[in-house]
Protein backbone atom coordinates (compact mmCIF):
# COMPACT_ATOMS: atom_id res chain seq x y z
CA MET A 1 93.56 -21.03 125.94
CA ILE A 2 95.00 -18.66 123.86
CA GLU A 3 93.66 -17.37 120.51
CA LEU A 4 95.57 -16.25 118.17
CA ASN A 5 94.43 -13.75 114.69
CA LEU A 6 96.66 -14.71 111.83
CA LEU A 7 94.36 -13.21 109.48
CA PRO A 8 96.26 -10.80 107.95
CA LYS A 9 96.35 -6.92 108.99
CA GLU A 10 93.61 -5.65 106.45
CA LEU A 11 91.49 -8.46 107.23
CA ARG A 12 91.46 -8.03 110.92
CA LYS A 13 88.79 -6.42 112.33
CA THR A 14 89.84 -3.24 113.93
CA ARG A 15 87.90 -1.24 117.43
CA LYS A 16 86.33 1.98 116.83
CA ILE A 17 87.06 4.91 119.41
CA SER A 18 84.67 6.71 120.42
CA VAL A 19 85.29 10.09 121.85
CA GLU A 20 82.47 10.74 124.20
CA LEU A 21 81.80 14.61 124.89
CA SER A 22 81.60 14.35 128.23
CA ASP A 23 85.33 13.38 128.01
CA ILE A 24 86.35 17.28 126.70
CA PRO A 25 86.53 19.57 129.63
CA VAL A 26 84.20 21.76 128.54
CA VAL A 27 83.63 23.89 132.03
CA ARG A 28 88.13 24.03 132.22
CA ILE A 29 88.35 25.37 129.00
CA ALA A 30 85.00 28.24 129.12
CA VAL A 31 86.99 29.08 132.24
CA ALA A 32 90.44 29.51 130.79
CA LEU A 33 88.61 31.47 127.97
CA PHE A 34 86.78 34.04 130.45
CA ALA A 35 89.69 34.09 132.49
CA LEU A 36 91.58 35.41 129.33
CA LEU A 37 89.54 37.42 128.14
CA LEU A 38 88.72 39.58 131.40
CA ALA A 39 92.35 39.56 131.97
CA VAL A 40 92.87 41.56 128.09
CA HIS A 41 89.77 43.53 129.23
CA ILE A 42 91.10 44.78 132.58
CA SER A 43 94.67 45.46 130.80
CA ILE A 44 93.04 47.64 128.28
CA VAL A 45 90.87 49.81 130.90
CA LEU A 46 94.34 49.98 133.07
CA LEU A 47 96.09 51.23 129.97
CA SER A 48 93.29 53.25 129.43
CA GLY A 49 93.10 54.94 132.87
CA ARG A 50 96.54 55.39 132.69
CA SER A 51 96.87 57.11 129.83
CA LYS A 52 93.18 59.78 130.98
CA GLY A 53 95.54 59.64 134.43
CA GLU A 54 98.40 60.87 132.16
CA LEU A 55 96.25 63.56 129.83
CA ASP A 56 94.39 64.95 133.43
CA VAL A 57 97.75 65.56 134.37
CA LEU A 58 99.70 67.30 131.19
CA THR A 59 95.89 69.03 130.91
CA LEU A 60 96.62 70.50 134.75
CA GLU A 61 100.27 71.61 134.25
CA TRP A 62 99.10 73.16 130.92
CA GLY A 63 96.84 74.82 132.86
CA GLN A 64 99.12 75.83 135.64
CA MET A 65 101.94 77.31 132.93
CA GLN A 66 99.02 80.22 131.49
CA PRO A 67 99.66 82.93 133.94
CA GLN A 68 103.44 82.40 132.94
CA ARG A 69 102.62 82.42 129.30
CA ASP A 70 100.39 85.23 129.52
CA LEU A 71 103.36 87.09 131.06
CA ILE A 72 105.86 85.90 128.67
CA GLY A 73 103.48 87.49 126.25
CA LYS A 74 103.11 91.27 127.94
CA LEU A 75 106.68 91.26 128.31
CA THR A 76 106.84 90.74 124.84
CA ARG A 77 104.26 93.20 123.52
CA GLU A 78 105.84 95.92 125.92
CA THR A 79 109.08 95.43 124.91
CA GLY A 80 108.41 95.78 121.56
CA GLU A 81 106.51 98.95 122.26
CA ALA A 82 109.04 100.30 124.22
CA GLU A 83 111.55 99.69 121.14
CA LYS A 84 109.39 101.46 119.25
CA ARG A 85 109.06 104.51 121.48
CA LEU A 86 112.69 104.43 121.84
CA LYS A 87 113.56 104.53 118.53
CA VAL A 88 111.09 107.64 118.34
CA ILE A 89 113.03 110.06 121.30
CA ARG A 90 115.90 109.21 119.51
CA GLY A 91 114.53 110.73 116.70
CA ILE A 92 113.54 113.38 117.85
CA ALA A 93 116.71 114.03 120.10
CA GLU A 94 118.64 113.97 116.90
CA LEU A 95 116.35 117.25 115.47
CA GLY A 96 118.79 119.54 117.19
CA LEU A 97 115.92 121.46 119.14
CA ASP A 98 116.11 122.91 122.24
CA TRP A 99 112.89 120.49 123.59
CA SER A 100 112.98 121.50 126.94
CA ASP A 101 112.24 124.93 126.08
CA LEU A 102 110.12 124.27 123.43
CA LEU A 103 107.73 121.75 125.80
CA ARG A 104 108.21 124.20 128.40
CA GLY A 105 106.86 126.66 126.19
CA LEU A 106 103.82 124.24 125.38
CA ASN A 107 102.89 123.40 128.62
CA ASP A 108 102.57 127.87 129.51
CA ALA A 109 100.74 128.45 126.58
CA VAL A 110 98.02 125.85 127.84
CA ILE A 111 94.46 127.67 128.17
CA PRO A 112 91.75 126.41 130.78
CA LYS A 113 89.37 124.02 128.45
CA VAL A 114 92.05 122.55 126.87
CA TRP A 115 93.92 119.73 127.49
CA LEU A 116 96.23 117.87 124.84
CA SER A 117 96.77 114.08 123.70
CA GLU A 118 99.35 113.73 121.41
CA PHE A 119 102.95 115.15 120.62
CA GLU A 120 104.15 113.98 117.22
CA VAL A 121 107.12 114.93 114.74
CA LYS A 122 106.29 114.31 111.35
CA PHE A 123 108.91 114.32 108.56
CA ASP A 124 109.08 114.16 104.82
CA ASN A 125 111.35 113.28 101.90
CA ALA A 126 113.38 116.53 101.03
CA ASP A 127 116.15 117.77 98.02
CA THR A 128 119.35 118.55 100.31
CA LYS A 129 121.88 120.76 98.98
CA GLY A 130 123.97 117.61 97.60
CA GLY A 131 120.88 116.53 95.80
CA VAL A 132 120.40 113.76 98.27
CA LYS A 133 117.11 112.46 99.29
CA GLU A 134 116.98 113.19 102.84
CA LYS A 135 113.80 112.88 105.61
CA LEU A 136 113.36 116.15 107.08
CA PRO A 137 111.46 117.18 109.94
CA VAL A 138 108.88 119.48 108.39
CA SER A 139 106.04 120.16 111.32
CA VAL A 140 105.27 119.32 114.58
CA GLY A 141 101.64 117.89 115.21
CA ILE A 142 99.88 118.56 117.98
CA THR A 143 96.30 117.10 119.34
CA GLY A 144 93.92 117.91 122.17
CA TYR A 145 90.21 118.57 123.19
CA ALA A 146 88.88 121.76 123.98
CA LEU A 147 85.38 121.71 126.41
CA GLY A 148 82.56 123.44 124.99
CA ASN A 149 80.00 123.13 122.30
CA SER A 150 81.29 123.13 118.69
CA GLN A 151 81.25 127.57 118.64
CA GLU A 152 82.67 127.84 122.45
CA ALA A 153 85.04 124.77 121.42
CA THR A 154 86.29 126.81 118.44
CA SER A 155 86.87 130.25 120.35
CA ILE A 156 89.12 128.69 122.94
CA VAL A 157 90.77 127.02 120.15
CA ALA A 158 91.66 129.97 118.38
CA ARG A 159 93.03 131.30 121.50
CA PHE A 160 95.28 128.34 122.32
CA ILE A 161 97.11 128.98 118.89
CA THR A 162 97.22 133.02 119.51
CA SER A 163 98.65 132.03 123.29
CA LEU A 164 101.01 129.14 121.08
CA LYS A 165 102.18 132.20 118.35
CA ASN A 166 102.29 134.73 121.43
CA ASN A 167 104.76 131.70 123.61
CA PRO A 168 108.57 132.79 122.22
CA ASP A 169 110.15 129.36 123.62
CA PHE A 170 107.67 127.34 121.45
CA ALA A 171 107.24 129.71 118.42
CA GLU A 172 110.27 130.34 118.02
CA PRO A 173 111.28 127.59 115.52
CA PHE A 174 107.88 127.39 113.57
CA LYS A 175 107.09 129.52 110.43
CA GLU A 176 103.31 128.97 111.08
CA ILE A 177 101.03 127.20 113.94
CA GLU A 178 97.36 126.57 112.70
CA LEU A 179 94.41 124.23 112.86
CA HIS A 180 95.16 121.32 110.98
CA ASN A 181 90.94 119.54 111.21
CA MET A 182 88.58 119.92 114.32
CA ARG A 183 85.61 117.49 115.07
CA ALA A 184 82.96 116.95 117.81
CA GLN A 185 83.32 114.59 120.27
CA GLU A 186 81.85 113.29 123.67
CA VAL A 187 84.59 113.43 126.45
CA ALA A 188 83.00 111.76 129.83
CA GLY A 189 79.87 112.74 128.89
CA LYS A 190 80.82 116.20 127.99
CA GLU A 191 80.06 117.96 124.93
CA ALA A 192 84.31 118.91 123.67
CA MET A 193 86.26 119.02 120.19
CA ARG A 194 88.77 117.14 119.27
CA PHE A 195 92.04 119.26 117.50
CA MET A 196 94.69 118.43 115.80
CA LEU A 197 97.51 121.44 115.27
CA GLU A 198 99.82 121.45 112.50
CA CYS A 199 103.54 123.12 113.67
CA ARG A 200 105.12 124.00 110.62
CA LEU A 201 109.30 124.50 110.75
CA ALA A 202 111.14 127.19 109.05
CA PRO A 203 113.22 125.86 106.47
CA ASP A 204 116.35 126.69 108.05
CA VAL A 205 115.02 124.69 111.26
CA SER A 206 114.55 121.21 109.20
CA GLU A 207 117.65 121.76 107.28
CA MET A 208 119.62 122.37 110.46
CA ALA A 209 117.76 119.22 112.10
CA ALA A 210 119.19 117.45 109.18
CA GLY A 211 122.34 118.49 109.31
CA VAL A 212 122.37 117.07 113.01
CA GLN A 213 121.14 114.05 112.16
CA ASP A 214 124.22 113.21 109.61
CA GLU A 215 126.84 113.82 112.39
CA GLY A 216 125.33 111.94 114.57
CA LYS A 217 125.04 108.96 111.55
CA LYS A 218 128.62 109.64 110.83
CA LYS A 219 129.79 109.18 114.60
CA LYS A 220 128.14 106.33 114.82
């Protein structure tokens, strides 16, 4: 027999569909989530390891470049110092003095227990005949050491000054050779005195040297 339900739809009984928890694939979802999290974690670890590896490589390469960087810095400093020395040499060469005789005379005048450490040409502003301010060489500074105690060193320096004055190759361009300062200073564990002499050029020598410098500038 066939039964027909002729009631209106709103009056018909509806069956409730119940969803059982057992029907949801909880294990599969959990496994999938775990696999996803594991993949993300592995990716992060791999990326971190790669970044660290690249950083280590860069650090190693930077460290290997240290000798080259040190060499470049050293060459830069030496080039600057060489340029300064060259500038000084050019300035001295333009003074118009016979430096070979002057230095030979200085070497011949050195006495025992004296050794020299510095030789410097000093300049000063002065009015030339044209009324123009020019840097004129006014003196030569000589720095050195005399071996001995205060009394002995003072006597040695006095004899060295006399030796300079008596040497025509050295003394000729100077109007005065005198002690500028002197102080005690131990050298290599021995008592000594550090001294500085000022050898003042004669005015005509200064003006002649300035003239040589002017001619050199015009030629350039």
